Amino acid sequence: MPKQFPPKIRDRAVRMTVDRLSEYPSVYAACKALAPKLGVGPESLRRWVVQAQIDAGEKTGPSSDELEEIKRLRAEVRDLKESNEILKQASIFFARELDLAAADLSVHRRNARCWLCGRVDLRRPAGAGRAGRRTNLPGVEKAPAGPAHHRRRTHYGRAPRLESP
């Protein structure tokens, strides 16, 4: 991890270097000569000086405030992307769950009438659609043939006759 210098030492080093820039051919040469005397690395000092020149308006580039804003926005984007990924995974999970729940519905509501007698029968078991048609989904039991009300009672609501032996 890079060594952290207190802001007081950093400001003093930048001030000394900026004051002596006229004595050297470039910023790098000044930093290379003054850095050992100040106890900092030449590249660190050069970056501090360049950033101080940008903040003062002597050079073009993003200022310190703008760099802080960029850093904050990047962290926010990273968090939002992570949240978005979590929501995508959750929606995929719940969509699968809804697909299985939709497969368990007894009948599409447009075919809610009994195919034998025309009676409205919204209580058909899962998979009991028209004759011969069954759902082939794993975990869904196949219903017996015919609407449920035909297995329980006759057409007119009378109980089925018990056959005597």
N, C-alpha and C. Protein backbone atom coordinates (compact mmCIF):
# COMPACT_ATOMS: atom_id res chain seq x y z
N MET A 1 0.85 -1.18 0.00
CA MET A 1 0.00 0.00 0.00
C MET A 1 0.89 1.24 0.00
N PRO A 2 0.51 2.27 -0.76
CA PRO A 2 1.36 3.46 -0.82
C PRO A 2 1.42 4.17 0.53
N LYS A 3 2.56 4.79 0.73
CA LYS A 3 2.77 5.52 1.99
C LYS A 3 1.93 6.80 1.97
N GLN A 4 1.22 7.04 3.04
CA GLN A 4 0.38 8.23 3.14
C GLN A 4 1.15 9.34 3.87
N PHE A 5 1.18 10.50 3.25
CA PHE A 5 1.83 11.65 3.87
C PHE A 5 0.76 12.59 4.40
N PRO A 6 0.99 13.20 5.54
CA PRO A 6 0.02 14.16 6.06
C PRO A 6 -0.14 15.35 5.10
N PRO A 7 -1.32 15.94 5.04
CA PRO A 7 -1.54 17.08 4.13
C PRO A 7 -0.59 18.24 4.39
N LYS A 8 -0.18 18.42 5.63
CA LYS A 8 0.72 19.52 5.97
C LYS A 8 2.07 19.35 5.25
N ILE A 9 2.63 18.13 5.30
CA ILE A 9 3.92 17.84 4.64
C ILE A 9 3.75 17.94 3.12
N ARG A 10 2.64 17.44 2.61
CA ARG A 10 2.38 17.47 1.17
C ARG A 10 2.31 18.92 0.69
N ASP A 11 1.58 19.78 1.39
CA ASP A 11 1.46 21.18 0.99
C ASP A 11 2.81 21.90 1.03
N ARG A 12 3.59 21.61 2.06
CA ARG A 12 4.92 22.23 2.19
C ARG A 12 5.83 21.81 1.04
N ALA A 13 5.79 20.51 0.70
CA ALA A 13 6.64 20.00 -0.39
C ALA A 13 6.22 20.60 -1.73
N VAL A 14 4.93 20.71 -1.97
CA VAL A 14 4.44 21.29 -3.22
C VAL A 14 4.83 22.76 -3.30
N ARG A 15 4.67 23.49 -2.21
CA ARG A 15 5.02 24.92 -2.18
C ARG A 15 6.51 25.12 -2.48
N MET A 16 7.36 24.31 -1.86
CA MET A 16 8.81 24.43 -2.09
C MET A 16 9.15 24.13 -3.55
N THR A 17 8.52 23.11 -4.11
CA THR A 17 8.83 22.73 -5.49
C THR A 17 8.34 23.78 -6.48
N VAL A 18 7.14 24.29 -6.26
CA VAL A 18 6.60 25.32 -7.17
C VAL A 18 7.46 26.58 -7.11
N ASP A 19 7.96 26.93 -5.93
CA ASP A 19 8.81 28.12 -5.79
C ASP A 19 10.12 27.96 -6.55
N ARG A 20 10.62 26.74 -6.69
CA ARG A 20 11.93 26.52 -7.33
C ARG A 20 11.81 25.96 -8.76
N LEU A 21 10.61 25.94 -9.34
CA LEU A 21 10.44 25.41 -10.70
C LEU A 21 11.26 26.19 -11.73
N SER A 22 11.44 27.46 -11.54
CA SER A 22 12.18 28.29 -12.52
C SER A 22 13.66 27.91 -12.58
N GLU A 23 14.17 27.26 -11.56
CA GLU A 23 15.59 26.87 -11.52
C GLU A 23 15.86 25.58 -12.29
N TYR A 24 14.80 24.83 -12.68
CA TYR A 24 14.96 23.53 -13.34
C TYR A 24 14.27 23.55 -14.71
N PRO A 25 14.75 22.70 -15.63
CA PRO A 25 14.18 22.72 -16.99
C PRO A 25 12.75 22.15 -17.06
N SER A 26 12.38 21.27 -16.13
CA SER A 26 11.03 20.68 -16.17
C SER A 26 10.56 20.39 -14.74
N VAL A 27 9.27 20.05 -14.63
CA VAL A 27 8.70 19.70 -13.33
C VAL A 27 9.37 18.42 -12.83
N TYR A 28 9.60 17.48 -13.74
CA TYR A 28 10.21 16.21 -13.34
C TYR A 28 11.62 16.42 -12.78
N ALA A 29 12.40 17.28 -13.44
CA ALA A 29 13.77 17.54 -12.97
C ALA A 29 13.74 18.18 -11.58
N ALA A 30 12.82 19.10 -11.35
CA ALA A 30 12.72 19.75 -10.05
C ALA A 30 12.33 18.74 -8.97
N CYS A 31 11.38 17.88 -9.30
CA CYS A 31 10.92 16.88 -8.33
C CYS A 31 12.02 15.85 -8.04
N LYS A 32 12.77 15.47 -9.09
CA LYS A 32 13.83 14.49 -8.90
C LYS A 32 14.94 15.05 -7.99
N ALA A 33 15.19 16.36 -8.09
CA ALA A 33 16.24 16.97 -7.27
C ALA A 33 15.77 17.25 -5.84
N LEU A 34 14.50 17.64 -5.67
CA LEU A 34 14.01 18.06 -4.36
C LEU A 34 13.40 16.93 -3.53
N ALA A 35 12.95 15.87 -4.16
CA ALA A 35 12.25 14.79 -3.45
C ALA A 35 13.10 14.15 -2.36
N PRO A 36 14.37 13.81 -2.62
CA PRO A 36 15.16 13.20 -1.53
C PRO A 36 15.36 14.14 -0.34
N LYS A 37 15.44 15.43 -0.61
CA LYS A 37 15.62 16.40 0.48
C LYS A 37 14.36 16.50 1.34
N LEU A 38 13.19 16.28 0.71
CA LEU A 38 11.90 16.40 1.41
C LEU A 38 11.45 15.06 2.01
N GLY A 39 12.13 13.99 1.63
CA GLY A 39 11.78 12.67 2.17
C GLY A 39 10.57 12.03 1.51
N VAL A 40 10.30 12.38 0.24
CA VAL A 40 9.19 11.77 -0.50
C VAL A 40 9.73 11.23 -1.82
N GLY A 41 8.94 10.42 -2.48
CA GLY A 41 9.34 9.89 -3.78
C GLY A 41 9.20 10.93 -4.87
N PRO A 42 10.07 10.90 -5.88
CA PRO A 42 10.01 11.92 -6.93
C PRO A 42 8.70 11.87 -7.73
N GLU A 43 8.19 10.69 -7.99
CA GLU A 43 6.94 10.58 -8.76
C GLU A 43 5.75 11.07 -7.94
N SER A 44 5.73 10.79 -6.66
CA SER A 44 4.65 11.30 -5.80
C SER A 44 4.67 12.82 -5.78
N LEU A 45 5.85 13.38 -5.62
CA LEU A 45 5.98 14.84 -5.58
C LEU A 45 5.54 15.44 -6.92
N ARG A 46 5.94 14.81 -8.02
CA ARG A 46 5.56 15.32 -9.34
C ARG A 46 4.04 15.31 -9.51
N ARG A 47 3.36 14.22 -9.08
CA ARG A 47 1.90 14.16 -9.18
C ARG A 47 1.24 15.22 -8.31
N TRP A 48 1.79 15.47 -7.13
CA TRP A 48 1.23 16.51 -6.26
C TRP A 48 1.36 17.88 -6.90
N VAL A 49 2.53 18.14 -7.49
CA VAL A 49 2.78 19.45 -8.11
C VAL A 49 1.86 19.64 -9.31
N VAL A 50 1.73 18.62 -10.16
CA VAL A 50 0.87 18.72 -11.33
C VAL A 50 -0.58 18.95 -10.89
N GLN A 51 -1.04 18.24 -9.87
CA GLN A 51 -2.40 18.42 -9.38
C GLN A 51 -2.59 19.82 -8.81
N ALA A 52 -1.57 20.35 -8.12
CA ALA A 52 -1.65 21.72 -7.60
C ALA A 52 -1.74 22.73 -8.73
N GLN A 53 -1.00 22.48 -9.83
CA GLN A 53 -1.08 23.38 -10.99
C GLN A 53 -2.47 23.31 -11.64
N ILE A 54 -3.05 22.12 -11.70
CA ILE A 54 -4.41 21.98 -12.27
C ILE A 54 -5.41 22.71 -11.39
N ASP A 55 -5.31 22.53 -10.07
CA ASP A 55 -6.23 23.20 -9.16
C ASP A 55 -6.09 24.72 -9.23
N ALA A 56 -4.88 25.21 -9.49
CA ALA A 56 -4.66 26.65 -9.59
C ALA A 56 -5.07 27.20 -10.95
N GLY A 57 -5.36 26.32 -11.89
CA GLY A 57 -5.78 26.76 -13.22
C GLY A 57 -4.64 26.97 -14.18
N GLU A 58 -3.41 26.57 -13.82
CA GLU A 58 -2.26 26.73 -14.70
C GLU A 58 -2.21 25.66 -15.78
N LYS A 59 -2.79 24.49 -15.51
CA LYS A 59 -2.83 23.39 -16.47
C LYS A 59 -4.27 22.92 -16.61
N THR A 60 -4.52 22.23 -17.71
CA THR A 60 -5.87 21.68 -17.91
C THR A 60 -5.93 20.26 -17.33
N GLY A 61 -7.14 19.88 -16.94
CA GLY A 61 -7.35 18.55 -16.37
C GLY A 61 -8.39 18.61 -15.28
N PRO A 62 -8.77 17.47 -14.78
CA PRO A 62 -9.79 17.44 -13.72
C PRO A 62 -9.20 17.92 -12.40
N SER A 63 -9.91 18.82 -11.74
CA SER A 63 -9.44 19.34 -10.46
C SER A 63 -9.65 18.29 -9.37
N SER A 64 -9.16 18.58 -8.20
CA SER A 64 -9.28 17.65 -7.06
C SER A 64 -10.74 17.40 -6.71
N ASP A 65 -11.55 18.47 -6.76
CA ASP A 65 -12.98 18.31 -6.46
C ASP A 65 -13.65 17.41 -7.50
N GLU A 66 -13.29 17.62 -8.76
CA GLU A 66 -13.86 16.80 -9.83
C GLU A 66 -13.42 15.33 -9.70
N LEU A 67 -12.17 15.13 -9.30
CA LEU A 67 -11.69 13.76 -9.12
C LEU A 67 -12.43 13.06 -7.98
N GLU A 68 -12.72 13.79 -6.90
CA GLU A 68 -13.49 13.23 -5.79
C GLU A 68 -14.90 12.86 -6.25
N GLU A 69 -15.51 13.74 -7.06
CA GLU A 69 -16.85 13.48 -7.58
C GLU A 69 -16.84 12.25 -8.50
N ILE A 70 -15.83 12.14 -9.34
CA ILE A 70 -15.71 10.98 -10.23
C ILE A 70 -15.56 9.70 -9.41
N LYS A 71 -14.75 9.76 -8.38
CA LYS A 71 -14.55 8.59 -7.52
C LYS A 71 -15.85 8.18 -6.84
N ARG A 72 -16.60 9.17 -6.34
CA ARG A 72 -17.88 8.88 -5.69
C ARG A 72 -18.89 8.29 -6.69
N LEU A 73 -18.94 8.86 -7.89
CA LEU A 73 -19.88 8.36 -8.90
C LEU A 73 -19.53 6.95 -9.37
N ARG A 74 -18.25 6.66 -9.49
CA ARG A 74 -17.85 5.30 -9.88
C ARG A 74 -18.26 4.28 -8.81
N ALA A 75 -18.10 4.65 -7.55
CA ALA A 75 -18.52 3.75 -6.47
C ALA A 75 -20.04 3.55 -6.51
N GLU A 76 -20.77 4.62 -6.79
CA GLU A 76 -22.23 4.52 -6.88
C GLU A 76 -22.65 3.64 -8.05
N VAL A 77 -21.99 3.80 -9.19
CA VAL A 77 -22.29 2.96 -10.36
C VAL A 77 -21.99 1.50 -10.04
N ARG A 78 -20.89 1.24 -9.37
CA ARG A 78 -20.54 -0.13 -9.00
C ARG A 78 -21.62 -0.74 -8.11
N ASP A 79 -22.08 0.04 -7.12
CA ASP A 79 -23.13 -0.46 -6.23
C ASP A 79 -24.44 -0.70 -6.97
N LEU A 80 -24.78 0.21 -7.89
CA LEU A 80 -26.02 0.05 -8.65
C LEU A 80 -25.95 -1.15 -9.59
N LYS A 81 -24.79 -1.39 -10.19
CA LYS A 81 -24.65 -2.56 -11.05
C LYS A 81 -24.80 -3.85 -10.24
N GLU A 82 -24.23 -3.86 -9.05
CA GLU A 82 -24.35 -5.02 -8.18
C GLU A 82 -25.81 -5.25 -7.78
N SER A 83 -26.50 -4.17 -7.43
CA SER A 83 -27.92 -4.28 -7.07
C SER A 83 -28.74 -4.75 -8.26
N ASN A 84 -28.42 -4.22 -9.43
CA ASN A 84 -29.14 -4.61 -10.65
C ASN A 84 -28.94 -6.10 -10.94
N GLU A 85 -27.73 -6.58 -10.75
CA GLU A 85 -27.46 -8.00 -10.98
C GLU A 85 -28.25 -8.87 -10.00
N ILE A 86 -28.32 -8.44 -8.75
CA ILE A 86 -29.10 -9.18 -7.75
C ILE A 86 -30.57 -9.21 -8.15
N LEU A 87 -31.10 -8.07 -8.61
CA LEU A 87 -32.51 -8.01 -9.02
C LEU A 87 -32.77 -8.87 -10.25
N LYS A 88 -31.82 -8.92 -11.18
CA LYS A 88 -31.98 -9.78 -12.36
C LYS A 88 -32.06 -11.25 -11.94
N GLN A 89 -31.18 -11.65 -11.04
CA GLN A 89 -31.19 -13.04 -10.58
C GLN A 89 -32.48 -13.36 -9.84
N ALA A 90 -32.97 -12.41 -9.05
CA ALA A 90 -34.23 -12.63 -8.32
C ALA A 90 -35.39 -12.73 -9.29
N SER A 91 -35.41 -11.89 -10.32
CA SER A 91 -36.51 -11.95 -11.28
C SER A 91 -36.49 -13.26 -12.06
N ILE A 92 -35.31 -13.77 -12.37
CA ILE A 92 -35.21 -15.06 -13.05
C ILE A 92 -35.74 -16.16 -12.14
N PHE A 93 -35.38 -16.11 -10.87
CA PHE A 93 -35.84 -17.11 -9.92
C PHE A 93 -37.36 -17.09 -9.80
N PHE A 94 -37.93 -15.90 -9.63
CA PHE A 94 -39.38 -15.80 -9.45
C PHE A 94 -40.12 -16.10 -10.76
N ALA A 95 -39.51 -15.80 -11.90
CA ALA A 95 -40.16 -16.13 -13.17
C ALA A 95 -40.27 -17.65 -13.33
N ARG A 96 -39.24 -18.37 -12.94
CA ARG A 96 -39.32 -19.84 -12.98
C ARG A 96 -40.42 -20.34 -12.05
N GLU A 97 -40.49 -19.73 -10.86
CA GLU A 97 -41.51 -20.13 -9.90
C GLU A 97 -42.91 -19.85 -10.45
N LEU A 98 -43.07 -18.71 -11.12
CA LEU A 98 -44.37 -18.36 -11.70
C LEU A 98 -44.72 -19.29 -12.85
N ASP A 99 -43.72 -19.70 -13.64
CA ASP A 99 -43.98 -20.64 -14.74
C ASP A 99 -44.52 -21.95 -14.19
N LEU A 100 -43.94 -22.43 -13.10
CA LEU A 100 -44.44 -23.67 -12.51
C LEU A 100 -45.83 -23.47 -11.92
N ALA A 101 -46.07 -22.30 -11.32
CA ALA A 101 -47.39 -22.03 -10.76
C ALA A 101 -48.43 -21.92 -11.88
N ALA A 102 -48.05 -21.32 -13.01
CA ALA A 102 -48.97 -21.21 -14.14
C ALA A 102 -49.28 -22.58 -14.72
N ALA A 103 -48.32 -23.50 -14.69
CA ALA A 103 -48.55 -24.84 -15.19
C ALA A 103 -49.50 -25.59 -14.27
N ASP A 104 -49.58 -25.21 -12.99
CA ASP A 104 -50.48 -25.85 -12.06
C ASP A 104 -51.90 -25.32 -12.14
N LEU A 105 -52.12 -24.22 -12.85
CA LEU A 105 -53.48 -23.71 -12.98
C LEU A 105 -54.33 -24.77 -13.68
N SER A 106 -55.57 -24.84 -13.28
CA SER A 106 -56.40 -25.92 -13.80
C SER A 106 -56.71 -25.74 -15.27
N VAL A 107 -57.09 -24.55 -15.68
CA VAL A 107 -57.57 -24.35 -17.05
C VAL A 107 -57.30 -22.92 -17.44
N HIS A 108 -57.07 -22.69 -18.71
CA HIS A 108 -57.05 -21.31 -19.17
C HIS A 108 -58.47 -20.78 -19.04
N ARG A 109 -58.63 -19.59 -18.59
CA ARG A 109 -59.96 -19.08 -18.28
C ARG A 109 -60.86 -18.95 -19.51
N ARG A 110 -60.30 -18.89 -20.71
CA ARG A 110 -61.16 -18.80 -21.89
C ARG A 110 -61.86 -20.13 -22.16
N ASN A 111 -61.33 -21.24 -21.63
CA ASN A 111 -61.94 -22.56 -21.79
C ASN A 111 -62.55 -23.03 -20.48
N ALA A 112 -63.26 -22.15 -19.79
CA ALA A 112 -63.74 -22.47 -18.46
C ALA A 112 -65.02 -23.29 -18.48
N ARG A 113 -65.58 -23.59 -19.63
CA ARG A 113 -66.79 -24.40 -19.69
C ARG A 113 -66.43 -25.86 -19.85
N CYS A 114 -67.29 -26.71 -19.33
CA CYS A 114 -67.09 -28.15 -19.43
C CYS A 114 -67.20 -28.57 -20.89
N TRP A 115 -66.31 -29.39 -21.37
CA TRP A 115 -66.32 -29.82 -22.77
C TRP A 115 -67.36 -30.90 -23.03
N LEU A 116 -67.91 -31.52 -21.98
CA LEU A 116 -68.96 -32.53 -22.18
C LEU A 116 -70.35 -31.92 -22.15
N CYS A 117 -70.61 -31.06 -21.16
CA CYS A 117 -71.97 -30.58 -20.97
C CYS A 117 -72.11 -29.07 -21.11
N GLY A 118 -71.02 -28.32 -21.20
CA GLY A 118 -71.09 -26.87 -21.32
C GLY A 118 -71.22 -26.15 -20.00
N ARG A 119 -71.29 -26.88 -18.92
CA ARG A 119 -71.41 -26.28 -17.59
C ARG A 119 -70.14 -25.51 -17.24
N VAL A 120 -70.31 -24.38 -16.58
CA VAL A 120 -69.16 -23.61 -16.15
C VAL A 120 -68.51 -24.35 -15.00
N ASP A 121 -67.25 -24.70 -15.18
CA ASP A 121 -66.55 -25.49 -14.16
C ASP A 121 -65.17 -24.89 -13.97
N LEU A 122 -65.03 -24.06 -12.97
CA LEU A 122 -63.74 -23.41 -12.72
C LEU A 122 -62.90 -24.19 -11.73
N ARG A 123 -63.37 -25.35 -11.31
CA ARG A 123 -62.67 -26.11 -10.28
C ARG A 123 -61.99 -27.35 -10.85
N ARG A 124 -61.63 -27.33 -12.10
CA ARG A 124 -61.00 -28.51 -12.69
C ARG A 124 -59.60 -28.69 -12.13
N PRO A 125 -59.19 -29.93 -11.95
CA PRO A 125 -57.85 -30.16 -11.42
C PRO A 125 -56.77 -29.83 -12.45
N ALA A 126 -55.55 -29.72 -11.98
CA ALA A 126 -54.44 -29.39 -12.87
C ALA A 126 -54.30 -30.44 -13.95
N GLY A 127 -54.15 -29.99 -15.18
CA GLY A 127 -53.91 -30.90 -16.29
C GLY A 127 -55.17 -31.46 -16.90
N ALA A 128 -56.34 -31.14 -16.39
CA ALA A 128 -57.56 -31.69 -16.96
C ALA A 128 -58.14 -30.69 -17.94
N GLY A 129 -57.58 -30.63 -19.10
CA GLY A 129 -58.08 -29.77 -20.15
C GLY A 129 -59.05 -30.56 -21.01
N ARG A 130 -58.99 -30.37 -22.30
CA ARG A 130 -59.85 -31.15 -23.19
C ARG A 130 -59.37 -32.60 -23.23
N ALA A 131 -60.22 -33.47 -23.71
CA ALA A 131 -59.89 -34.89 -23.69
C ALA A 131 -58.61 -35.17 -24.46
N GLY A 132 -57.77 -36.01 -23.90
CA GLY A 132 -56.54 -36.41 -24.57
C GLY A 132 -55.39 -35.44 -24.38
N ARG A 133 -55.63 -34.28 -23.85
CA ARG A 133 -54.56 -33.30 -23.69
C ARG A 133 -54.13 -33.27 -22.22
N ARG A 134 -52.88 -33.46 -21.98
CA ARG A 134 -52.35 -33.44 -20.61
C ARG A 134 -51.08 -32.60 -20.59
N THR A 135 -50.79 -32.04 -19.44
CA THR A 135 -49.54 -31.31 -19.31
C THR A 135 -48.43 -32.31 -19.04
N ASN A 136 -47.29 -32.09 -19.62
CA ASN A 136 -46.14 -32.98 -19.45
C ASN A 136 -45.04 -32.26 -18.70
N LEU A 137 -45.39 -31.66 -17.59
CA LEU A 137 -44.39 -30.95 -16.80
C LEU A 137 -43.94 -31.82 -15.64
N PRO A 138 -42.65 -31.76 -15.31
CA PRO A 138 -42.17 -32.55 -14.17
C PRO A 138 -42.79 -32.04 -12.87
N GLY A 139 -43.21 -32.95 -12.03
CA GLY A 139 -43.76 -32.59 -10.74
C GLY A 139 -45.26 -32.32 -10.78
N VAL A 140 -45.88 -32.31 -11.96
CA VAL A 140 -47.32 -32.08 -12.06
C VAL A 140 -47.96 -33.43 -12.37
N GLU A 141 -48.83 -33.87 -11.46
CA GLU A 141 -49.48 -35.16 -11.66
C GLU A 141 -50.53 -35.05 -12.75
N LYS A 142 -50.68 -36.11 -13.50
CA LYS A 142 -51.69 -36.11 -14.55
C LYS A 142 -53.05 -36.39 -13.93
N ALA A 143 -54.00 -35.58 -14.31
CA ALA A 143 -55.35 -35.73 -13.77
C ALA A 143 -56.09 -36.83 -14.52
N PRO A 144 -57.05 -37.46 -13.86
CA PRO A 144 -57.86 -38.46 -14.56
C PRO A 144 -58.68 -37.81 -15.66
N ALA A 145 -59.06 -38.61 -16.65
CA ALA A 145 -59.79 -38.09 -17.79
C ALA A 145 -61.16 -37.56 -17.36
N GLY A 146 -61.61 -36.51 -18.01
CA GLY A 146 -62.93 -35.96 -17.78
C GLY A 146 -62.93 -34.89 -16.71
N PRO A 147 -63.91 -33.99 -16.79
CA PRO A 147 -64.01 -32.92 -15.80
C PRO A 147 -64.34 -33.48 -14.42
N ALA A 148 -63.95 -32.71 -13.40
CA ALA A 148 -64.12 -33.17 -12.02
C ALA A 148 -65.58 -33.35 -11.65
N HIS A 149 -66.46 -32.48 -12.13
CA HIS A 149 -67.84 -32.60 -11.70
C HIS A 149 -68.51 -33.84 -12.30
N HIS A 150 -67.99 -34.39 -13.36
CA HIS A 150 -68.53 -35.63 -13.92
C HIS A 150 -68.10 -36.84 -13.10
N ARG A 151 -67.03 -36.72 -12.39
CA ARG A 151 -66.60 -37.84 -11.56
C ARG A 151 -67.30 -37.84 -10.21
N ARG A 152 -67.78 -36.68 -9.78
CA ARG A 152 -68.41 -36.59 -8.47
C ARG A 152 -69.92 -36.82 -8.54
N ARG A 153 -70.58 -36.21 -9.49
CA ARG A 153 -72.04 -36.26 -9.57
C ARG A 153 -72.45 -36.37 -11.03
N THR A 154 -73.72 -36.58 -11.23
CA THR A 154 -74.23 -36.61 -12.60
C THR A 154 -74.43 -35.19 -13.07
N HIS A 155 -74.96 -35.03 -14.27
CA HIS A 155 -75.15 -33.71 -14.85
C HIS A 155 -76.10 -32.83 -14.06
N TYR A 156 -77.11 -33.39 -13.47
CA TYR A 156 -78.14 -32.58 -12.83
C TYR A 156 -77.97 -32.49 -11.32
N GLY A 157 -76.82 -32.82 -10.81
CA GLY A 157 -76.55 -32.64 -9.41
C GLY A 157 -76.98 -33.79 -8.53
N ARG A 158 -77.51 -34.88 -9.12
CA ARG A 158 -77.88 -36.03 -8.30
C ARG A 158 -76.65 -36.87 -8.03
N ALA A 159 -76.68 -37.52 -6.88
CA ALA A 159 -75.56 -38.40 -6.53
C ALA A 159 -75.62 -39.62 -7.44
N PRO A 160 -74.48 -40.15 -7.84
CA PRO A 160 -74.47 -41.34 -8.70
C PRO A 160 -75.10 -42.53 -7.99
N ARG A 161 -75.74 -43.39 -8.78
CA ARG A 161 -76.37 -44.57 -8.21
C ARG A 161 -75.34 -45.55 -7.75
N LEU A 162 -75.64 -46.18 -6.66
CA LEU A 162 -74.77 -47.25 -6.18
C LEU A 162 -75.30 -48.54 -6.79
N GLU A 163 -74.39 -49.23 -7.40
CA GLU A 163 -74.81 -50.49 -8.02
C GLU A 163 -74.89 -51.58 -6.95
N SER A 164 -75.98 -52.31 -6.97
CA SER A 164 -76.13 -53.37 -5.99
C SER A 164 -75.50 -54.64 -6.53
N PRO A 165 -74.91 -55.45 -5.64
CA PRO A 165 -74.24 -56.67 -6.10
C PRO A 165 -75.17 -57.77 -6.47
